[in-house]
């Protein structure tokens, strides 16, 4: 989004002073948002969401917690069990190594 009220500075709350033509949203360095960082963030979020769906679907279908923990990269199956216990109410408690 670009500010377009002529050439006068636009004052926002919290001391954010912008000049017309500047982007309203920018990155930390106050430059335009880099497409790479945006795509990278979106990709990481998509992978995380896909992992949650995969894990939830598998555990709700009876995949053992220990197997799922290994597949998704949890070092301790108890973390997987604590995170996803609400979708597998009949699952037994997992004892760690």
PDB file of N, CA and C in Angstrom:
ATOM      1  N   UNK A   1       0.858  -1.173   0.000  1.00  0.00           N
ATOM      2  CA  UNK A   1       0.000   0.000   0.000  1.00  0.00           C
ATOM      3  C   UNK A   1       0.901   1.232   0.000  1.00  0.00           C
ATOM      4  N   UNK A   2       0.620   2.179  -0.834  1.00  0.00           N
ATOM      5  CA  UNK A   2       1.440   3.382  -0.960  1.00  0.00           C
ATOM      6  C   UNK A   2       0.625   4.590  -0.535  1.00  0.00           C
ATOM      7  N   UNK A   3       1.268   5.478   0.230  1.00  0.00           N
ATOM      8  CA  UNK A   3       0.599   6.707   0.658  1.00  0.00           C
ATOM      9  C   UNK A   3       0.584   7.696  -0.499  1.00  0.00           C
ATOM     10  N   UNK A   4      -0.541   8.346  -0.724  1.00  0.00           N
ATOM     11  CA  UNK A   4      -0.634   9.258  -1.867  1.00  0.00           C
ATOM     12  C   UNK A   4      -1.365  10.542  -1.516  1.00  0.00           C
ATOM     13  N   UNK A   5      -0.898  11.265  -0.559  1.00  0.00           N
ATOM     14  CA  UNK A   5      -1.578  12.538  -0.254  1.00  0.00           C
ATOM     15  C   UNK A   5      -0.677  13.720  -0.626  1.00  0.00           C
ATOM     16  N   UNK A   6      -0.047  13.671  -1.761  1.00  0.00           N
ATOM     17  CA  UNK A   6       0.821  14.769  -2.186  1.00  0.00           C
ATOM     18  C   UNK A   6       2.242  14.541  -1.739  1.00  0.00           C
ATOM     19  N   UNK A   7       2.934  15.623  -1.390  1.00  0.00           N
ATOM     20  CA  UNK A   7       4.329  15.499  -0.991  1.00  0.00           C
ATOM     21  C   UNK A   7       4.541  15.847   0.471  1.00  0.00           C
ATOM     22  N   UNK A   8       3.464  15.970   1.246  1.00  0.00           N
ATOM     23  CA  UNK A   8       3.608  16.306   2.659  1.00  0.00           C
ATOM     24  C   UNK A   8       3.801  15.040   3.477  1.00  0.00           C
ATOM     25  N   UNK A   9       4.608  15.126   4.526  1.00  0.00           N
ATOM     26  CA  UNK A   9       4.778  13.960   5.393  1.00  0.00           C
ATOM     27  C   UNK A   9       3.458  13.597   6.063  1.00  0.00           C
ATOM     28  N   UNK A  10       3.270  12.317   6.286  1.00  0.00           N
ATOM     29  CA  UNK A  10       2.079  11.823   6.972  1.00  0.00           C
ATOM     30  C   UNK A  10       2.530  11.334   8.335  1.00  0.00           C
ATOM     31  N   UNK A  11       1.931  11.854   9.397  1.00  0.00           N
ATOM     32  CA  UNK A  11       2.310  11.466  10.753  1.00  0.00           C
ATOM     33  C   UNK A  11       1.338  10.423  11.286  1.00  0.00           C
ATOM     34  N   UNK A  12       1.897   9.310  11.723  1.00  0.00           N
ATOM     35  CA  UNK A  12       1.114   8.242  12.315  1.00  0.00           C
ATOM     36  C   UNK A  12       1.378   8.215  13.809  1.00  0.00           C
ATOM     37  N   UNK A  13       0.498   7.573  14.580  1.00  0.00           N
ATOM     38  CA  UNK A  13       0.769   7.412  16.009  1.00  0.00           C
ATOM     39  C   UNK A  13       2.069   6.632  16.210  1.00  0.00           C
ATOM     40  N   UNK A  14       2.622   6.730  17.370  1.00  0.00           N
ATOM     41  CA  UNK A  14       3.861   6.042  17.746  1.00  0.00           C
ATOM     42  C   UNK A  14       5.075   6.575  16.994  1.00  0.00           C
ATOM     43  N   UNK A  15       5.000   7.774  16.464  1.00  0.00           N
ATOM     44  CA  UNK A  15       6.152   8.395  15.833  1.00  0.00           C
ATOM     45  C   UNK A  15       6.538   7.834  14.481  1.00  0.00           C
ATOM     46  N   UNK A  16       5.650   7.125  13.821  1.00  0.00           N
ATOM     47  CA  UNK A  16       5.959   6.604  12.495  1.00  0.00           C
ATOM     48  C   UNK A  16       5.697   7.693  11.467  1.00  0.00           C
ATOM     49  N   UNK A  17       6.721   8.380  11.059  1.00  0.00           N
ATOM     50  CA  UNK A  17       6.582   9.445  10.066  1.00  0.00           C
ATOM     51  C   UNK A  17       6.903   8.887   8.690  1.00  0.00           C
ATOM     52  N   UNK A  18       6.009   9.108   7.762  1.00  0.00           N
ATOM     53  CA  UNK A  18       6.184   8.621   6.400  1.00  0.00           C
ATOM     54  C   UNK A  18       6.019   9.770   5.426  1.00  0.00           C
ATOM     55  N   UNK A  19       6.643   9.652   4.304  1.00  0.00           N
ATOM     56  CA  UNK A  19       6.493  10.630   3.235  1.00  0.00           C
ATOM     57  C   UNK A  19       5.594  10.007   2.178  1.00  0.00           C
ATOM     58  N   UNK A  20       4.756  10.811   1.572  1.00  0.00           N
ATOM     59  CA  UNK A  20       3.856  10.292   0.546  1.00  0.00           C
ATOM     60  C   UNK A  20       4.655   9.546  -0.503  1.00  0.00           C
ATOM     61  N   UNK A  21       4.158   8.412  -0.933  1.00  0.00           N
ATOM     62  CA  UNK A  21       4.862   7.566  -1.886  1.00  0.00           C
ATOM     63  C   UNK A  21       5.602   6.428  -1.216  1.00  0.00           C
ATOM     64  N   UNK A  22       5.843   6.516   0.108  1.00  0.00           N
ATOM     65  CA  UNK A  22       6.471   5.422   0.842  1.00  0.00           C
ATOM     66  C   UNK A  22       5.475   4.283   1.009  1.00  0.00           C
ATOM     67  N   UNK A  23       6.011   3.089   1.170  1.00  0.00           N
ATOM     68  CA  UNK A  23       5.164   1.956   1.490  1.00  0.00           C
ATOM     69  C   UNK A  23       4.684   2.085   2.926  1.00  0.00           C
ATOM     70  N   UNK A  24       3.431   1.740   3.157  1.00  0.00           N
ATOM     71  CA  UNK A  24       2.898   1.798   4.513  1.00  0.00           C
ATOM     72  C   UNK A  24       3.509   0.699   5.367  1.00  0.00           C
ATOM     73  N   UNK A  25       3.707  -0.479   4.785  1.00  0.00           N
ATOM     74  CA  UNK A  25       4.302  -1.595   5.498  1.00  0.00           C
ATOM     75  C   UNK A  25       5.667  -1.870   4.895  1.00  0.00           C
ATOM     76  N   UNK A  26       6.663  -1.984   5.746  1.00  0.00           N
ATOM     77  CA  UNK A  26       8.009  -2.276   5.263  1.00  0.00           C
ATOM     78  C   UNK A  26       8.649  -3.276   6.201  1.00  0.00           C
ATOM     79  N   UNK A  27       9.854  -3.737   5.867  1.00  0.00           N
ATOM     80  CA  UNK A  27      10.533  -4.675   6.749  1.00  0.00           C
ATOM     81  C   UNK A  27      11.279  -3.910   7.843  1.00  0.00           C
ATOM     82  N   UNK A  28      12.024  -4.616   8.656  1.00  0.00           N
ATOM     83  CA  UNK A  28      12.701  -4.013   9.802  1.00  0.00           C
ATOM     84  C   UNK A  28      13.657  -2.908   9.383  1.00  0.00           C
ATOM     85  N   UNK A  29      14.318  -3.059   8.243  1.00  0.00           N
ATOM     86  CA  UNK A  29      15.264  -2.063   7.773  1.00  0.00           C
ATOM     87  C   UNK A  29      14.609  -0.876   7.094  1.00  0.00           C
ATOM     88  N   UNK A  30      13.284  -0.795   7.161  1.00  0.00           N
ATOM     89  CA  UNK A  30      12.490   0.293   6.589  1.00  0.00           C
ATOM     90  C   UNK A  30      12.651   0.381   5.071  1.00  0.00           C
ATOM     91  N   UNK A  31      12.905  -0.761   4.460  1.00  0.00           N
ATOM     92  CA  UNK A  31      12.947  -0.825   3.002  1.00  0.00           C
ATOM     93  C   UNK A  31      11.749  -1.638   2.538  1.00  0.00           C
ATOM     94  N   UNK A  32      11.563  -1.732   1.248  1.00  0.00           N
ATOM     95  CA  UNK A  32      10.441  -2.506   0.732  1.00  0.00           C
ATOM     96  C   UNK A  32      10.563  -3.967   1.147  1.00  0.00           C
ATOM     97  N   UNK A  33       9.441  -4.625   1.287  1.00  0.00           N
ATOM     98  CA  UNK A  33       9.445  -6.030   1.675  1.00  0.00           C
ATOM     99  C   UNK A  33      10.073  -6.846   0.554  1.00  0.00           C
ATOM    100  N   UNK A  34      11.053  -7.664   0.909  1.00  0.00           N
ATOM    101  CA  UNK A  34      11.706  -8.508  -0.080  1.00  0.00           C
ATOM    102  C   UNK A  34      10.814  -9.695  -0.407  1.00  0.00           C
ATOM    103  N   UNK A  35      10.665  -9.984  -1.657  1.00  0.00           N
ATOM    104  CA  UNK A  35       9.814 -11.094  -2.064  1.00  0.00           C
ATOM    105  C   UNK A  35      10.333 -12.411  -1.504  1.00  0.00           C
ATOM    106  N   UNK A  36      11.676 -12.591  -1.449  1.00  0.00           N
ATOM    107  CA  UNK A  36      12.227 -13.839  -0.940  1.00  0.00           C
ATOM    108  C   UNK A  36      11.792 -14.080   0.498  1.00  0.00           C
ATOM    109  N   UNK A  37      11.883 -13.065   1.348  1.00  0.00           N
ATOM    110  CA  UNK A  37      11.526 -13.260   2.751  1.00  0.00           C
ATOM    111  C   UNK A  37      10.041 -13.551   2.902  1.00  0.00           C
ATOM    112  N   UNK A  38       9.222 -12.939   2.075  1.00  0.00           N
ATOM    113  CA  UNK A  38       7.787 -13.202   2.127  1.00  0.00           C
ATOM    114  C   UNK A  38       7.488 -14.635   1.708  1.00  0.00           C
ATOM    115  N   UNK A  39       8.074 -15.077   0.615  1.00  0.00           N
ATOM    116  CA  UNK A  39       7.858 -16.443   0.134  1.00  0.00           C
ATOM    117  C   UNK A  39       8.394 -17.445   1.143  1.00  0.00           C
ATOM    118  N   UNK A  40       9.556 -17.166   1.719  1.00  0.00           N
ATOM    119  CA  UNK A  40      10.145 -18.060   2.711  1.00  0.00           C
ATOM    120  C   UNK A  40       9.230 -18.206   3.924  1.00  0.00           C
ATOM    121  N   UNK A  41       8.700 -17.106   4.418  1.00  0.00           N
ATOM    122  CA  UNK A  41       7.796 -17.150   5.572  1.00  0.00           C
ATOM    123  C   UNK A  41       6.522 -17.919   5.239  1.00  0.00           C
ATOM    124  N   UNK A  42       5.956 -17.659   4.075  1.00  0.00           N
ATOM    125  CA  UNK A  42       4.741 -18.370   3.668  1.00  0.00           C
ATOM    126  C   UNK A  42       5.003 -19.865   3.518  1.00  0.00           C
ATOM    127  N   UNK A  43       6.161 -20.224   2.971  1.00  0.00           N
ATOM    128  CA  UNK A  43       6.502 -21.631   2.799  1.00  0.00           C
ATOM    129  C   UNK A  43       6.662 -22.322   4.148  1.00  0.00           C
ATOM    130  N   UNK A  44       7.351 -21.671   5.099  1.00  0.00           N
ATOM    131  CA  UNK A  44       7.505 -22.265   6.432  1.00  0.00           C
ATOM    132  C   UNK A  44       6.156 -22.460   7.106  1.00  0.00           C
ATOM    133  N   UNK A  45       5.273 -21.470   6.999  1.00  0.00           N
ATOM    134  CA  UNK A  45       3.940 -21.590   7.593  1.00  0.00           C
ATOM    135  C   UNK A  45       3.140 -22.717   6.943  1.00  0.00           C
ATOM    136  N   UNK A  46       3.258 -22.857   5.622  1.00  0.00           N
ATOM    137  CA  UNK A  46       2.537 -23.916   4.914  1.00  0.00           C
ATOM    138  C   UNK A  46       3.050 -25.298   5.325  1.00  0.00           C
ATOM    139  N   UNK A  47       4.381 -25.435   5.476  1.00  0.00           N
ATOM    140  CA  UNK A  47       4.942 -26.720   5.905  1.00  0.00           C
ATOM    141  C   UNK A  47       4.479 -27.077   7.310  1.00  0.00           C
ATOM    142  N   UNK A  48       4.442 -26.091   8.189  1.00  0.00           N
ATOM    143  CA  UNK A  48       3.999 -26.349   9.556  1.00  0.00           C
ATOM    144  C   UNK A  48       2.534 -26.775   9.572  1.00  0.00           C
ATOM    145  N   UNK A  49       1.698 -26.079   8.812  1.00  0.00           N
ATOM    146  CA  UNK A  49       0.275 -26.424   8.752  1.00  0.00           C
ATOM    147  C   UNK A  49       0.080 -27.821   8.172  1.00  0.00           C
ATOM    148  N   UNK A  50       0.850 -28.164   7.142  1.00  0.00           N
ATOM    149  CA  UNK A  50       0.744 -29.497   6.545  1.00  0.00           C
ATOM    150  C   UNK A  50       1.170 -30.568   7.540  1.00  0.00           C
ATOM    151  N   UNK A  51       2.192 -30.289   8.329  1.00  0.00           N
ATOM    152  CA  UNK A  51       2.635 -31.239   9.343  1.00  0.00           C
ATOM    153  C   UNK A  51       1.588 -31.462  10.413  1.00  0.00           C
ATOM    154  N   UNK A  52       0.910 -30.397  10.804  1.00  0.00           N
ATOM    155  CA  UNK A  52      -0.142 -30.515  11.812  1.00  0.00           C
ATOM    156  C   UNK A  52      -1.293 -31.359  11.274  1.00  0.00           C
ATOM    157  N   UNK A  53      -1.682 -31.114  10.032  1.00  0.00           N
ATOM    158  CA  UNK A  53      -2.761 -31.895   9.414  1.00  0.00           C
ATOM    159  C   UNK A  53      -2.347 -33.359   9.290  1.00  0.00           C
ATOM    160  N   UNK A  54      -1.123 -33.609   8.834  1.00  0.00           N
ATOM    161  CA  UNK A  54      -0.620 -34.976   8.684  1.00  0.00           C
ATOM    162  C   UNK A  54      -0.629 -35.706  10.018  1.00  0.00           C
ATOM    163  N   UNK A  55      -0.104 -35.065  11.044  1.00  0.00           N
ATOM    164  CA  UNK A  55      -0.023 -35.687  12.362  1.00  0.00           C
ATOM    165  C   UNK A  55      -1.417 -35.927  12.940  1.00  0.00           C
ATOM    166  N   UNK A  56      -2.279 -34.952  12.848  1.00  0.00           N
ATOM    167  CA  UNK A  56      -3.639 -35.092  13.373  1.00  0.00           C
ATOM    168  C   UNK A  56      -4.382 -36.225  12.675  1.00  0.00           C
ATOM    169  N   UNK A  57      -4.277 -36.283  11.355  1.00  0.00           N
ATOM    170  CA  UNK A  57      -4.975 -37.325  10.598  1.00  0.00           C
ATOM    171  C   UNK A  57      -4.428 -38.705  10.948  1.00  0.00           C
ATOM    172  N   UNK A  58      -3.116 -38.826  11.014  1.00  0.00           N
ATOM    173  CA  UNK A  58      -2.519 -40.119  11.326  1.00  0.00           C
ATOM    174  C   UNK A  58      -2.871 -40.612  12.714  1.00  0.00           C
ATOM    175  N   UNK A  59      -2.750 -39.740  13.698  1.00  0.00           N
ATOM    176  CA  UNK A  59      -3.048 -40.146  15.069  1.00  0.00           C
ATOM    177  C   UNK A  59      -4.527 -40.463  15.259  1.00  0.00           C
ATOM    178  N   UNK A  60      -5.392 -39.738  14.576  1.00  0.00           N
ATOM    179  CA  UNK A  60      -6.825 -40.016  14.710  1.00  0.00           C
ATOM    180  C   UNK A  60      -7.201 -41.341  14.050  1.00  0.00           C
ATOM    181  N   UNK A  61      -6.354 -41.829  13.135  1.00  0.00           N
ATOM    182  CA  UNK A  61      -6.590 -43.123  12.474  1.00  0.00           C
ATOM    183  C   UNK A  61      -5.866 -44.272  13.169  1.00  0.00           C
ATOM    184  N   UNK A  62      -5.165 -43.979  14.263  1.00  0.00           N
ATOM    185  CA  UNK A  62      -4.550 -45.040  15.045  1.00  0.00           C
ATOM    186  C   UNK A  62      -3.068 -45.269  14.836  1.00  0.00           C
ATOM    187  N   UNK A  63      -2.374 -44.382  14.156  1.00  0.00           N
ATOM    188  CA  UNK A  63      -0.922 -44.512  14.005  1.00  0.00           C
ATOM    189  C   UNK A  63      -0.294 -44.365  15.393  1.00  0.00           C
ATOM    190  N   UNK A  64       0.625 -45.251  15.774  1.00  0.00           N
ATOM    191  CA  UNK A  64       1.245 -45.151  17.096  1.00  0.00           C
ATOM    192  C   UNK A  64       1.958 -43.806  17.299  1.00  0.00           C
ATOM    193  N   UNK A  65       1.839 -43.298  18.504  1.00  0.00           N
ATOM    194  CA  UNK A  65       2.433 -42.000  18.833  1.00  0.00           C
ATOM    195  C   UNK A  65       3.944 -42.031  18.643  1.00  0.00           C
ATOM    196  N   UNK A  66       4.572 -43.141  18.989  1.00  0.00           N
ATOM    197  CA  UNK A  66       6.027 -43.222  18.858  1.00  0.00           C
ATOM    198  C   UNK A  66       6.462 -43.121  17.398  1.00  0.00           C
ATOM    199  N   UNK A  67       5.712 -43.764  16.505  1.00  0.00           N
ATOM    200  CA  UNK A  67       6.038 -43.664  15.073  1.00  0.00           C
ATOM    201  C   UNK A  67       5.842 -42.239  14.570  1.00  0.00           C
ATOM    202  N   UNK A  68       4.719 -41.640  14.931  1.00  0.00           N
ATOM    203  CA  UNK A  68       4.422 -40.285  14.462  1.00  0.00           C
ATOM    204  C   UNK A  68       5.463 -39.300  14.990  1.00  0.00           C
ATOM    205  N   UNK A  69       5.861 -39.456  16.247  1.00  0.00           N
ATOM    206  CA  UNK A  69       6.865 -38.562  16.830  1.00  0.00           C
ATOM    207  C   UNK A  69       8.170 -38.633  16.047  1.00  0.00           C
ATOM    208  N   UNK A  70       8.555 -39.836  15.660  1.00  0.00           N
ATOM    209  CA  UNK A  70       9.784 -39.998  14.879  1.00  0.00           C
ATOM    210  C   UNK A  70       9.637 -39.356  13.497  1.00  0.00           C
ATOM    211  N   UNK A  71       8.496 -39.549  12.859  1.00  0.00           N
ATOM    212  CA  UNK A  71       8.283 -39.028  11.506  1.00  0.00           C
ATOM    213  C   UNK A  71       8.273 -37.508  11.459  1.00  0.00           C
ATOM    214  N   UNK A  72       7.713 -36.874  12.499  1.00  0.00           N
ATOM    215  CA  UNK A  72       7.610 -35.415  12.458  1.00  0.00           C
ATOM    216  C   UNK A  72       8.775 -34.716  13.154  1.00  0.00           C
ATOM    217  N   UNK A  73       9.710 -35.504  13.712  1.00  0.00           N
ATOM    218  CA  UNK A  73      10.926 -34.921  14.258  1.00  0.00           C
ATOM    219  C   UNK A  73      10.894 -34.571  15.733  1.00  0.00           C
ATOM    220  N   UNK A  74       9.903 -35.089  16.471  1.00  0.00           N
ATOM    221  CA  UNK A  74       9.904 -34.870  17.916  1.00  0.00           C
ATOM    222  C   UNK A  74      10.871 -35.865  18.547  1.00  0.00           C
ATOM    223  N   UNK A  75      11.765 -35.388  19.397  1.00  0.00           N
ATOM    224  CA  UNK A  75      12.727 -36.277  20.053  1.00  0.00           C
ATOM    225  C   UNK A  75      12.064 -37.115  21.137  1.00  0.00           C
ATOM    226  N   UNK A  76      11.022 -36.564  21.745  1.00  0.00           N
ATOM    227  CA  UNK A  76      10.338 -37.248  22.833  1.00  0.00           C
ATOM    228  C   UNK A  76       8.878 -37.485  22.442  1.00  0.00           C
ATOM    229  N   UNK A  77       8.427 -38.739  22.395  1.00  0.00           N
ATOM    230  CA  UNK A  77       7.031 -39.019  22.045  1.00  0.00           C
ATOM    231  C   UNK A  77       6.026 -38.381  23.002  1.00  0.00           C
ATOM    232  N   UNK A  78       6.462 -38.075  24.219  1.00  0.00           N
ATOM    233  CA  UNK A  78       5.549 -37.428  25.169  1.00  0.00           C
ATOM    234  C   UNK A  78       5.108 -36.052  24.673  1.00  0.00           C
ATOM    235  N   UNK A  79       5.984 -35.353  23.971  1.00  0.00           N
ATOM    236  CA  UNK A  79       5.617 -34.040  23.426  1.00  0.00           C
ATOM    237  C   UNK A  79       4.513 -34.207  22.390  1.00  0.00           C
ATOM    238  N   UNK A  80       4.668 -35.198  21.524  1.00  0.00           N
ATOM    239  CA  UNK A  80       3.634 -35.468  20.518  1.00  0.00           C
ATOM    240  C   UNK A  80       2.328 -35.836  21.202  1.00  0.00           C
ATOM    241  N   UNK A  81       2.414 -36.692  22.210  1.00  0.00           N
ATOM    242  CA  UNK A  81       1.206 -37.118  22.923  1.00  0.00           C
ATOM    243  C   UNK A  81       0.525 -35.939  23.609  1.00  0.00           C
ATOM    244  N   UNK A  82       1.296 -35.094  24.277  1.00  0.00           N
ATOM    245  CA  UNK A  82       0.709 -33.938  24.967  1.00  0.00           C
ATOM    246  C   UNK A  82       0.079 -32.965  23.984  1.00  0.00           C
ATOM    247  N   UNK A  83       0.693 -32.795  22.824  1.00  0.00           N
ATOM    248  CA  UNK A  83       0.195 -31.839  21.841  1.00  0.00           C
ATOM    249  C   UNK A  83      -1.072 -32.330  21.157  1.00  0.00           C
ATOM    250  N   UNK A  84      -1.134 -33.625  20.867  1.00  0.00           N
ATOM    251  CA  UNK A  84      -2.231 -34.161  20.059  1.00  0.00           C
ATOM    252  C   UNK A  84      -3.162 -35.087  20.831  1.00  0.00           C
ATOM    253  N   UNK A  85      -3.078 -35.120  22.155  1.00  0.00           N
ATOM    254  CA  UNK A  85      -3.923 -36.026  22.946  1.00  0.00           C
ATOM    255  C   UNK A  85      -5.408 -35.758  22.746  1.00  0.00           C
ATOM    256  N   UNK A  86      -5.781 -34.529  22.458  1.00  0.00           N
ATOM    257  CA  UNK A  86      -7.201 -34.195  22.312  1.00  0.00           C
ATOM    258  C   UNK A  86      -7.843 -34.847  21.086  1.00  0.00           C
ATOM    259  N   UNK A  87      -7.056 -35.295  20.116  1.00  0.00           N
ATOM    260  CA  UNK A  87      -7.648 -35.939  18.945  1.00  0.00           C
ATOM    261  C   UNK A  87      -7.588 -37.456  19.023  1.00  0.00           C
ATOM    262  N   UNK A  88      -6.959 -37.977  20.064  1.00  0.00           N
ATOM    263  CA  UNK A  88      -6.884 -39.427  20.249  1.00  0.00           C
ATOM    264  C   UNK A  88      -7.217 -39.771  21.695  1.00  0.00           C
ATOM    265  N   UNK A  89      -8.473 -39.657  22.075  1.00  0.00           N
ATOM    266  CA  UNK A  89      -8.857 -39.833  23.475  1.00  0.00           C
ATOM    267  C   UNK A  89      -8.606 -41.233  24.014  1.00  0.00           C
ATOM    268  N   UNK A  90      -8.527 -42.252  23.154  1.00  0.00           N
ATOM    269  CA  UNK A  90      -8.316 -43.617  23.635  1.00  0.00           C
ATOM    270  C   UNK A  90      -6.852 -44.027  23.674  1.00  0.00           C
ATOM    271  N   UNK A  91      -5.963 -43.119  23.317  1.00  0.00           N
ATOM    272  CA  UNK A  91      -4.542 -43.458  23.265  1.00  0.00           C
ATOM    273  C   UNK A  91      -3.971 -43.625  24.669  1.00  0.00           C
ATOM    274  N   UNK A  92      -3.168 -44.675  24.863  1.00  0.00           N
ATOM    275  CA  UNK A  92      -2.534 -44.857  26.179  1.00  0.00           C
ATOM    276  C   UNK A  92      -1.416 -43.843  26.381  1.00  0.00           C
ATOM    277  N   UNK A  93      -1.043 -43.651  27.617  1.00  0.00           N
ATOM    278  CA  UNK A  93       0.058 -42.751  27.932  1.00  0.00           C
ATOM    279  C   UNK A  93       1.360 -43.363  27.423  1.00  0.00           C
ATOM    280  N   UNK A  94       2.203 -42.560  26.833  1.00  0.00           N
ATOM    281  CA  UNK A  94       3.471 -43.032  26.282  1.00  0.00           C
ATOM    282  C   UNK A  94       4.557 -42.817  27.315  1.00  0.00           C
ATOM    283  N   UNK A  95       5.350 -43.846  27.566  1.00  0.00           N
ATOM    284  CA  UNK A  95       6.464 -43.682  28.496  1.00  0.00           C
ATOM    285  C   UNK A  95       7.724 -43.426  27.697  1.00  0.00           C
ATOM    286  N   UNK A  96       8.492 -42.465  28.142  1.00  0.00           N
ATOM    287  CA  UNK A  96       9.710 -42.074  27.434  1.00  0.00           C
ATOM    288  C   UNK A  96      10.815 -43.087  27.600  1.00  0.00           C
ATOM    289  N   UNK A  97      11.906 -42.938  26.847  1.00  0.00           N
ATOM    290  CA  UNK A  97      13.038 -43.888  26.923  1.00  0.00           C
ATOM    291  C   UNK A  97      13.795 -43.782  28.216  1.00  0.00           C
TER     292      UNK A  97
END
